Amino acid sequence: MALKAYRPMAVAAASAAAALMAAGCSGSSGGDEPKPMSAKRLAQASLGAKEVNGYQIERASAKSAAGAGSAKADRSECQPVAALLGSAPKPKPVRSVVNTFARTGDGKDYEGLQGMVRVAAYKGGGAKDTLADLRKAAESCGSGFGMKTGEGEEQKFSAVQQLASPKLGDESAAYRLVNTSEKAPSLVAVVRTGSTLSMFFVTSLTDPQRVEMPQDLLKAQVEKVQKAEKGHATAPSSGDVEHGDAGEAGDSQDS
């Protein structure tokens, strides 16, 4: 997914290509299908502004971070990758929370590493199916693919390279996407915890070729999702919860 240029916190962000996907959680309600986290619980599962040392985190809407609408791949087998790079993934999550982040150094200087995290709750097997479809599409489209964003912008990826999966959650996957127009790679990691996906999209403005996945941020986010699933979450983070099948974006207080 190619992210629009965004400005996390006070940092002026130039154009950045990244994608959103991550693993989440959802406890079973006693039936065969896990129940998606409520809006309140999902907000609790999202990282707060200063919760991870060395990062500034800011709440954003999916559309402002990833562009509007659903992306369309030039090959049907690549569509699962393209769909997840836009703000309208398929299948739609019931609800999601989106944050942008920027890594800071001494004196809160920005180091160039930035990206987006989406924590999304799915119905039934939606989270598992989404990750399975992504794996299949990434394998089929390793040599690259083209797509048109929901806003009509043409994008071309010369490669989709598999990376070592994070050892987090129930299952995970990670990829390196090379955007030919921006000549900069983006890293994508997706972690599934029950029926929740934690999706991470990372790029570097200062040294694009040396972009790295922020393992400490991944670990902190997935652990918070796991705590929320068990009912041990902290107070909800501020900001809206984006609703998919459940309705419009807003601060739903269901539990």
C-alpha atoms as a PDB file:
ATOM      1  CA  MET A   1       0.000   0.000   0.000  1.00  0.00           C
ATOM      2  CA  ALA A   2       1.346   3.374  -0.858  1.00  0.00           C
ATOM      3  CA  LEU A   3       0.703   5.902   1.825  1.00  0.00           C
ATOM      4  CA  LYS A   4       0.079   9.529   1.106  1.00  0.00           C
ATOM      5  CA  ALA A   5       2.611  11.988   2.413  1.00  0.00           C
ATOM      6  CA  TYR A   6       1.729  12.846   5.973  1.00  0.00           C
ATOM      7  CA  ARG A   7       3.018  14.961   8.872  1.00  0.00           C
ATOM      8  CA  PRO A   8       3.351  12.885  12.038  1.00  0.00           C
ATOM      9  CA  MET A   9       3.426  15.268  15.010  1.00  0.00           C
ATOM     10  CA  ALA A  10       5.604  18.351  14.416  1.00  0.00           C
ATOM     11  CA  VAL A  11       7.739  16.678  11.750  1.00  0.00           C
ATOM     12  CA  ALA A  12       7.301  17.784   8.158  1.00  0.00           C
ATOM     13  CA  ALA A  13       7.007  14.547   6.250  1.00  0.00           C
ATOM     14  CA  ALA A  14       7.781  14.398   2.584  1.00  0.00           C
ATOM     15  CA  SER A  15       6.123  11.829   0.362  1.00  0.00           C
ATOM     16  CA  ALA A  16       6.279   8.401   1.937  1.00  0.00           C
ATOM     17  CA  ALA A  17       5.299   5.024   0.636  1.00  0.00           C
ATOM     18  CA  ALA A  18       4.096   2.576   3.212  1.00  0.00           C
ATOM     19  CA  ALA A  19       1.309   0.206   3.970  1.00  0.00           C
ATOM     20  CA  LEU A  20      -0.936  -0.646   6.835  1.00  0.00           C
ATOM     21  CA  MET A  21      -1.636  -3.936   8.298  1.00  0.00           C
ATOM     22  CA  ALA A  22      -1.097  -5.488  11.752  1.00  0.00           C
ATOM     23  CA  ALA A  23      -2.270  -8.186  14.004  1.00  0.00           C
ATOM     24  CA  GLY A  24      -4.890  -7.814  16.591  1.00  0.00           C
ATOM     25  CA  CYS A  25      -6.959  -9.704  19.009  1.00  0.00           C
ATOM     26  CA  SER A  26     -10.383 -10.842  19.891  1.00  0.00           C
ATOM     27  CA  GLY A  27     -11.548 -13.240  22.493  1.00  0.00           C
ATOM     28  CA  SER A  28     -13.980 -16.039  21.854  1.00  0.00           C
ATOM     29  CA  SER A  29     -17.500 -15.492  23.116  1.00  0.00           C
ATOM     30  CA  GLY A  30     -18.067 -19.196  23.533  1.00  0.00           C
ATOM     31  CA  GLY A  31     -19.068 -19.902  19.932  1.00  0.00           C
ATOM     32  CA  ASP A  32     -17.015 -21.176  17.035  1.00  0.00           C
ATOM     33  CA  GLU A  33     -16.148 -17.706  15.753  1.00  0.00           C
ATOM     34  CA  PRO A  34     -14.080 -15.203  17.762  1.00  0.00           C
ATOM     35  CA  LYS A  35     -15.857 -11.978  18.624  1.00  0.00           C
ATOM     36  CA  PRO A  36     -14.266  -8.749  17.323  1.00  0.00           C
ATOM     37  CA  MET A  37     -13.107  -6.234  19.900  1.00  0.00           C
ATOM     38  CA  SER A  38     -15.515  -3.447  20.744  1.00  0.00           C
ATOM     39  CA  ALA A  39     -14.700   0.152  19.853  1.00  0.00           C
ATOM     40  CA  LYS A  40     -13.794   0.904  23.469  1.00  0.00           C
ATOM     41  CA  ARG A  41     -11.535  -2.128  23.752  1.00  0.00           C
ATOM     42  CA  LEU A  42      -9.920  -1.414  20.391  1.00  0.00           C
ATOM     43  CA  ALA A  43      -9.140   2.151  21.481  1.00  0.00           C
ATOM     44  CA  GLN A  44      -7.533   0.696  24.593  1.00  0.00           C
ATOM     45  CA  ALA A  45      -5.426  -1.575  22.391  1.00  0.00           C
ATOM     46  CA  SER A  46      -3.979   1.329  20.396  1.00  0.00           C
ATOM     47  CA  LEU A  47      -0.679   2.919  21.444  1.00  0.00           C
ATOM     48  CA  GLY A  48      -0.780   6.329  23.078  1.00  0.00           C
ATOM     49  CA  ALA A  49       1.166   9.413  21.970  1.00  0.00           C
ATOM     50  CA  LYS A  50       4.230   8.860  24.214  1.00  0.00           C
ATOM     51  CA  GLU A  51       3.765   5.236  25.163  1.00  0.00           C
ATOM     52  CA  VAL A  52       6.866   3.884  23.408  1.00  0.00           C
ATOM     53  CA  ASN A  53      10.164   5.559  24.263  1.00  0.00           C
ATOM     54  CA  GLY A  54      11.844   7.116  21.235  1.00  0.00           C
ATOM     55  CA  TYR A  55       8.667   7.555  19.154  1.00  0.00           C
ATOM     56  CA  GLN A  56       6.050  10.225  18.724  1.00  0.00           C
ATOM     57  CA  ILE A  57       2.690   8.708  17.872  1.00  0.00           C
ATOM     58  CA  GLU A  58      -0.340  10.564  16.568  1.00  0.00           C
ATOM     59  CA  ARG A  59      -3.901   9.444  15.865  1.00  0.00           C
ATOM     60  CA  ALA A  60      -4.987   9.746  12.245  1.00  0.00           C
ATOM     61  CA  SER A  61      -7.866   8.659  10.080  1.00  0.00           C
ATOM     62  CA  ALA A  62      -7.313   5.826   7.617  1.00  0.00           C
ATOM     63  CA  LYS A  63      -8.146   8.136   4.714  1.00  0.00           C
ATOM     64  CA  SER A  64      -5.703  10.864   5.703  1.00  0.00           C
ATOM     65  CA  ALA A  65      -2.868   8.379   6.165  1.00  0.00           C
ATOM     66  CA  ALA A  66      -3.520   5.954   3.330  1.00  0.00           C
ATOM     67  CA  GLY A  67      -5.549   7.920   0.822  1.00  0.00           C
ATOM     68  CA  ALA A  68      -9.216   7.581  -0.035  1.00  0.00           C
ATOM     69  CA  GLY A  69     -10.956   4.578  -1.488  1.00  0.00           C
ATOM     70  CA  SER A  70      -9.895   1.153  -2.673  1.00  0.00           C
ATOM     71  CA  ALA A  71      -6.754   0.581  -4.730  1.00  0.00           C
ATOM     72  CA  LYS A  72      -6.954  -1.534  -7.906  1.00  0.00           C
ATOM     73  CA  ALA A  73      -4.121  -3.835  -9.005  1.00  0.00           C
ATOM     74  CA  ASP A  74      -3.300  -4.394 -12.665  1.00  0.00           C
ATOM     75  CA  ARG A  75      -3.382  -8.165 -12.081  1.00  0.00           C
ATOM     76  CA  SER A  76      -6.153  -9.947 -10.206  1.00  0.00           C
ATOM     77  CA  GLU A  77      -3.754 -12.156  -8.264  1.00  0.00           C
ATOM     78  CA  CYS A  78      -2.129  -9.023  -6.796  1.00  0.00           C
ATOM     79  CA  GLN A  79      -5.385  -7.404  -5.693  1.00  0.00           C
ATOM     80  CA  PRO A  80      -5.146  -8.541  -2.025  1.00  0.00           C
ATOM     81  CA  VAL A  81      -1.884  -6.603  -1.703  1.00  0.00           C
ATOM     82  CA  ALA A  82      -3.268  -3.524  -3.452  1.00  0.00           C
ATOM     83  CA  ALA A  83      -6.508  -3.555  -1.436  1.00  0.00           C
ATOM     84  CA  LEU A  84      -4.643  -3.593   1.850  1.00  0.00           C
ATOM     85  CA  LEU A  85      -2.512  -0.632   0.783  1.00  0.00           C
ATOM     86  CA  GLY A  86      -5.537   1.644   0.590  1.00  0.00           C
ATOM     87  CA  SER A  87      -8.066   2.848   3.119  1.00  0.00           C
ATOM     88  CA  ALA A  88     -10.693   0.300   2.032  1.00  0.00           C
ATOM     89  CA  PRO A  89      -9.236  -3.205   2.543  1.00  0.00           C
ATOM     90  CA  LYS A  90     -11.319  -6.262   1.694  1.00  0.00           C
ATOM     91  CA  PRO A  91     -12.803  -7.852   3.648  1.00  0.00           C
ATOM     92  CA  LYS A  92     -13.534  -4.727   5.624  1.00  0.00           C
ATOM     93  CA  PRO A  93     -12.698  -4.820   9.323  1.00  0.00           C
ATOM     94  CA  VAL A  94     -15.574  -4.127  11.681  1.00  0.00           C
ATOM     95  CA  ARG A  95     -13.587  -1.222  13.109  1.00  0.00           C
ATOM     96  CA  SER A  96     -10.022   0.032  13.171  1.00  0.00           C
ATOM     97  CA  VAL A  97      -7.698   2.562  14.787  1.00  0.00           C
ATOM     98  CA  VAL A  98      -4.923   4.240  12.771  1.00  0.00           C
ATOM     99  CA  ASN A  99      -1.806   5.952  14.129  1.00  0.00           C
ATOM    100  CA  THR A 100       1.132   7.582  12.377  1.00  0.00           C
ATOM    101  CA  PHE A 101       4.537   7.524  14.053  1.00  0.00           C
ATOM    102  CA  ALA A 102       7.991   9.053  13.781  1.00  0.00           C
ATOM    103  CA  ARG A 103      11.146   7.879  15.545  1.00  0.00           C
ATOM    104  CA  THR A 104      13.028  10.532  17.482  1.00  0.00           C
ATOM    105  CA  GLY A 105      16.640  10.770  18.586  1.00  0.00           C
ATOM    106  CA  ASP A 106      18.460  12.840  21.205  1.00  0.00           C
ATOM    107  CA  GLY A 107      16.797  16.171  21.778  1.00  0.00           C
ATOM    108  CA  LYS A 108      13.688  14.856  20.008  1.00  0.00           C
ATOM    109  CA  ASP A 109      15.270  15.305  16.597  1.00  0.00           C
ATOM    110  CA  TYR A 110      13.512  13.194  13.996  1.00  0.00           C
ATOM    111  CA  GLU A 111      15.613  10.396  12.552  1.00  0.00           C
ATOM    112  CA  GLY A 112      13.632   9.986   9.349  1.00  0.00           C
ATOM    113  CA  LEU A 113      11.996   6.641  10.168  1.00  0.00           C
ATOM    114  CA  GLN A 114       8.237   7.027  10.081  1.00  0.00           C
ATOM    115  CA  GLY A 115       5.126   5.140   9.157  1.00  0.00           C
ATOM    116  CA  MET A 116       1.657   4.030  10.092  1.00  0.00           C
ATOM    117  CA  VAL A 117       0.057   1.435  12.349  1.00  0.00           C
ATOM    118  CA  ARG A 118      -3.479   0.169  11.886  1.00  0.00           C
ATOM    119  CA  VAL A 119      -5.110  -2.063  14.485  1.00  0.00           C
ATOM    120  CA  ALA A 120      -8.229  -3.634  12.992  1.00  0.00           C
ATOM    121  CA  ALA A 121     -10.892  -5.947  14.414  1.00  0.00           C
ATOM    122  CA  TYR A 122     -12.535  -8.457  12.063  1.00  0.00           C
ATOM    123  CA  LYS A 123     -15.618 -10.639  12.177  1.00  0.00           C
ATOM    124  CA  GLY A 124     -15.288 -14.411  12.163  1.00  0.00           C
ATOM    125  CA  GLY A 125     -12.291 -15.557  10.149  1.00  0.00           C
ATOM    126  CA  GLY A 126     -11.768 -12.211   8.429  1.00  0.00           C
ATOM    127  CA  ALA A 127      -8.380 -11.526  10.020  1.00  0.00           C
ATOM    128  CA  LYS A 128      -7.063 -14.991   9.247  1.00  0.00           C
ATOM    129  CA  ASP A 129      -8.362 -14.886   5.672  1.00  0.00           C
ATOM    130  CA  THR A 130      -6.875 -11.433   5.098  1.00  0.00           C
ATOM    131  CA  LEU A 131      -3.421 -12.594   6.134  1.00  0.00           C
ATOM    132  CA  ALA A 132      -3.706 -15.800   4.099  1.00  0.00           C
ATOM    133  CA  ASP A 133      -4.763 -13.860   0.994  1.00  0.00           C
ATOM    134  CA  LEU A 134      -1.881 -11.441   1.489  1.00  0.00           C
ATOM    135  CA  ARG A 135       0.653 -14.273   1.682  1.00  0.00           C
ATOM    136  CA  LYS A 136      -0.683 -15.866  -1.487  1.00  0.00           C
ATOM    137  CA  ALA A 137      -0.736 -12.582  -3.399  1.00  0.00           C
ATOM    138  CA  ALA A 138       2.770 -11.603  -2.266  1.00  0.00           C
ATOM    139  CA  GLU A 139       4.122 -14.933  -3.469  1.00  0.00           C
ATOM    140  CA  SER A 140       2.408 -14.582  -6.845  1.00  0.00           C
ATOM    141  CA  CYS A 141       3.487 -10.961  -7.281  1.00  0.00           C
ATOM    142  CA  GLY A 142       7.077 -11.099  -6.094  1.00  0.00           C
ATOM    143  CA  SER A 143       8.310  -9.625  -9.379  1.00  0.00           C
ATOM    144  CA  GLY A 144       6.143  -6.558  -8.855  1.00  0.00           C
ATOM    145  CA  PHE A 145       2.808  -5.176  -9.984  1.00  0.00           C
ATOM    146  CA  GLY A 146       1.081  -1.947 -10.871  1.00  0.00           C
ATOM    147  CA  MET A 147      -1.938  -0.399  -9.221  1.00  0.00           C
ATOM    148  CA  LYS A 148      -4.142   2.660  -9.222  1.00  0.00           C
ATOM    149  CA  THR A 149      -4.962   4.221  -5.870  1.00  0.00           C
ATOM    150  CA  GLY A 150      -8.492   5.113  -4.838  1.00  0.00           C
ATOM    151  CA  GLU A 151      -7.644   8.680  -5.819  1.00  0.00           C
ATOM    152  CA  GLY A 152      -6.616   7.622  -9.323  1.00  0.00           C
ATOM    153  CA  GLU A 153      -2.833   7.836  -8.873  1.00  0.00           C
ATOM    154  CA  GLU A 154      -0.764   5.277 -10.779  1.00  0.00           C
ATOM    155  CA  GLN A 155       1.727   3.315  -8.670  1.00  0.00           C
ATOM    156  CA  LYS A 156       4.304   0.746  -9.743  1.00  0.00           C
ATOM    157  CA  PHE A 157       6.078  -1.723  -7.484  1.00  0.00           C
ATOM    158  CA  SER A 158       9.108  -3.475  -8.928  1.00  0.00           C
ATOM    159  CA  ALA A 159       9.272  -6.135  -6.205  1.00  0.00           C
ATOM    160  CA  VAL A 160       7.433  -7.639  -3.260  1.00  0.00           C
ATOM    161  CA  GLN A 161      10.113  -9.362  -1.196  1.00  0.00           C
ATOM    162  CA  GLN A 162       9.372 -11.646   1.735  1.00  0.00           C
ATOM    163  CA  LEU A 163      11.136 -10.785   5.006  1.00  0.00           C
ATOM    164  CA  ALA A 164      11.556 -12.696   8.254  1.00  0.00           C
ATOM    165  CA  SER A 165       8.200 -12.721  10.028  1.00  0.00           C
ATOM    166  CA  PRO A 166       7.976 -11.069  13.457  1.00  0.00           C
ATOM    167  CA  LYS A 167       7.820 -13.672  16.220  1.00  0.00           C
ATOM    168  CA  LEU A 168       4.684 -12.128  17.637  1.00  0.00           C
ATOM    169  CA  GLY A 169       0.982 -12.936  17.890  1.00  0.00           C
ATOM    170  CA  ASP A 170      -0.686 -16.059  16.523  1.00  0.00           C
ATOM    171  CA  GLU A 171       0.865 -15.655  13.081  1.00  0.00           C
ATOM    172  CA  SER A 172       2.606 -12.937  11.108  1.00  0.00           C
ATOM    173  CA  ALA A 173       4.166 -11.946   7.797  1.00  0.00           C
ATOM    174  CA  ALA A 174       6.511  -9.195   6.607  1.00  0.00           C
ATOM    175  CA  TYR A 175       7.443  -7.786   3.184  1.00  0.00           C
ATOM    176  CA  ARG A 176       9.605  -5.198   1.467  1.00  0.00           C
ATOM    177  CA  LEU A 177       7.855  -3.293  -1.322  1.00  0.00           C
ATOM    178  CA  VAL A 178       9.872  -1.259  -3.808  1.00  0.00           C
ATOM    179  CA  ASN A 179       8.019   1.679  -5.325  1.00  0.00           C
ATOM    180  CA  THR A 180       9.657   2.487  -8.674  1.00  0.00           C
ATOM    181  CA  SER A 181       8.324   6.038  -8.938  1.00  0.00           C
ATOM    182  CA  GLU A 182       9.541   7.070  -5.512  1.00  0.00           C
ATOM    183  CA  LYS A 183      12.650   4.859  -5.736  1.00  0.00           C
ATOM    184  CA  ALA A 184      12.227   4.019  -2.080  1.00  0.00           C
ATOM    185  CA  PRO A 185      11.345   0.750  -0.374  1.00  0.00           C
ATOM    186  CA  SER A 186       8.655   0.425   2.270  1.00  0.00           C
ATOM    187  CA  LEU A 187       8.399  -2.316   4.866  1.00  0.00           C
ATOM    188  CA  VAL A 188       5.121  -3.977   5.784  1.00  0.00           C
ATOM    189  CA  ALA A 189       4.468  -6.280   8.723  1.00  0.00           C
ATOM    190  CA  VAL A 190       1.164  -7.880   9.660  1.00  0.00           C
ATOM    191  CA  VAL A 191       0.533  -9.658  12.957  1.00  0.00           C
ATOM    192  CA  ARG A 192      -2.647 -11.554  13.767  1.00  0.00           C
ATOM    193  CA  THR A 193      -3.855 -11.992  17.334  1.00  0.00           C
ATOM    194  CA  GLY A 194      -7.166 -13.784  17.336  1.00  0.00           C
ATOM    195  CA  SER A 195      -9.517 -11.764  15.131  1.00  0.00           C
ATOM    196  CA  THR A 196      -7.401  -8.594  15.249  1.00  0.00           C
ATOM    197  CA  LEU A 197      -4.714  -7.531  12.812  1.00  0.00           C
ATOM    198  CA  SER A 198      -1.887  -5.154  13.697  1.00  0.00           C
ATOM    199  CA  MET A 199      -0.515  -3.713  10.439  1.00  0.00           C
ATOM    200  CA  PHE A 200       2.729  -1.761  10.269  1.00  0.00           C
ATOM    201  CA  PHE A 201       3.918   0.348   7.320  1.00  0.00           C
ATOM    202  CA  VAL A 202       7.382   1.857   7.557  1.00  0.00           C
ATOM    203  CA  THR A 203       9.565   4.110   5.412  1.00  0.00           C
ATOM    204  CA  SER A 204      12.643   6.304   5.920  1.00  0.00           C
ATOM    205  CA  LEU A 205      13.007   9.862   4.661  1.00  0.00           C
ATOM    206  CA  THR A 206      16.710  10.311   5.433  1.00  0.00           C
ATOM    207  CA  ASP A 207      18.067   7.005   4.095  1.00  0.00           C
ATOM    208  CA  PRO A 208      15.346   5.068   2.228  1.00  0.00           C
ATOM    209  CA  GLN A 209      17.580   2.132   1.350  1.00  0.00           C
ATOM    210  CA  ARG A 210      18.368   1.453   5.009  1.00  0.00           C
ATOM    211  CA  VAL A 211      14.807   1.490   6.265  1.00  0.00           C
ATOM    212  CA  GLU A 212      14.259  -0.956   9.117  1.00  0.00           C
ATOM    213  CA  MET A 213      11.269  -2.397  10.907  1.00  0.00           C
ATOM    214  CA  PRO A 214      11.011  -0.854  14.419  1.00  0.00           C
ATOM    215  CA  GLN A 215      10.873  -4.077  16.425  1.00  0.00           C
ATOM    216  CA  ASP A 216      10.335  -2.284  19.757  1.00  0.00           C
ATOM    217  CA  LEU A 217       7.265  -0.514  18.371  1.00  0.00           C
ATOM    218  CA  LEU A 218       5.875  -3.759  16.926  1.00  0.00           C
ATOM    219  CA  LYS A 219       6.364  -5.577  20.205  1.00  0.00           C
ATOM    220  CA  ALA A 220       4.732  -2.808  22.238  1.00  0.00           C
ATOM    221  CA  GLN A 221       1.692  -2.650  19.955  1.00  0.00           C
ATOM    222  CA  VAL A 222       1.090  -6.391  19.778  1.00  0.00           C
ATOM    223  CA  GLU A 223       1.519  -6.788  23.540  1.00  0.00           C
ATOM    224  CA  LYS A 224      -1.050  -4.053  24.107  1.00  0.00           C
ATOM    225  CA  VAL A 225      -3.478  -5.812  21.783  1.00  0.00           C
ATOM    226  CA  GLN A 226      -2.974  -9.037  23.727  1.00  0.00           C
ATOM    227  CA  LYS A 227      -3.668  -7.252  27.017  1.00  0.00           C
ATOM    228  CA  ALA A 228      -6.816  -5.671  25.602  1.00  0.00           C
ATOM    229  CA  GLU A 229      -7.996  -9.083  24.468  1.00  0.00           C
ATOM    230  CA  LYS A 230      -7.619 -10.390  28.008  1.00  0.00           C
ATOM    231  CA  GLY A 231      -9.326  -7.348  29.511  1.00  0.00           C
ATOM    232  CA  HIS A 232      -6.122  -5.958  31.032  1.00  0.00           C
ATOM    233  CA  ALA A 233      -5.819  -2.872  28.836  1.00  0.00           C
ATOM    234  CA  THR A 234      -5.070   0.633  30.064  1.00  0.00           C
ATOM    235  CA  ALA A 235      -7.346   3.636  29.590  1.00  0.00           C
ATOM    236  CA  PRO A 236      -8.435   4.233  25.977  1.00  0.00           C
ATOM    237  CA  SER A 237      -6.172   6.310  23.768  1.00  0.00           C
ATOM    238  CA  SER A 238      -7.700   9.558  22.546  1.00  0.00           C
ATOM    239  CA  GLY A 239      -9.066   9.783  19.022  1.00  0.00           C
ATOM    240  CA  ASP A 240     -11.648   8.224  16.790  1.00  0.00           C
ATOM    241  CA  VAL A 241     -12.231   4.613  15.936  1.00  0.00           C
ATOM    242  CA  GLU A 242     -12.825   4.027  12.235  1.00  0.00           C
ATOM    243  CA  HIS A 243     -15.859   1.800  11.683  1.00  0.00           C
ATOM    244  CA  GLY A 244     -16.198  -0.490   8.695  1.00  0.00           C
ATOM    245  CA  ASP A 245     -19.163  -2.828   8.528  1.00  0.00           C
ATOM    246  CA  ALA A 246     -20.361  -1.520  11.887  1.00  0.00           C
ATOM    247  CA  GLY A 247     -21.074   2.006  10.676  1.00  0.00           C
ATOM    248  CA  GLU A 248     -19.455   5.423  10.360  1.00  0.00           C
ATOM    249  CA  ALA A 249     -16.303   6.548  12.151  1.00  0.00           C
ATOM    250  CA  GLY A 250     -16.846   7.782  15.673  1.00  0.00           C
ATOM    251  CA  ASP A 251     -16.283   7.222  19.369  1.00  0.00           C
ATOM    252  CA  SER A 252     -18.512   4.253  20.016  1.00  0.00           C
ATOM    253  CA  GLN A 253     -18.563   3.262  23.680  1.00  0.00           C
ATOM    254  CA  ASP A 254     -19.755  -0.302  23.340  1.00  0.00           C
ATOM    255  CA  SER A 255     -17.825  -2.795  25.406  1.00  0.00           C
END
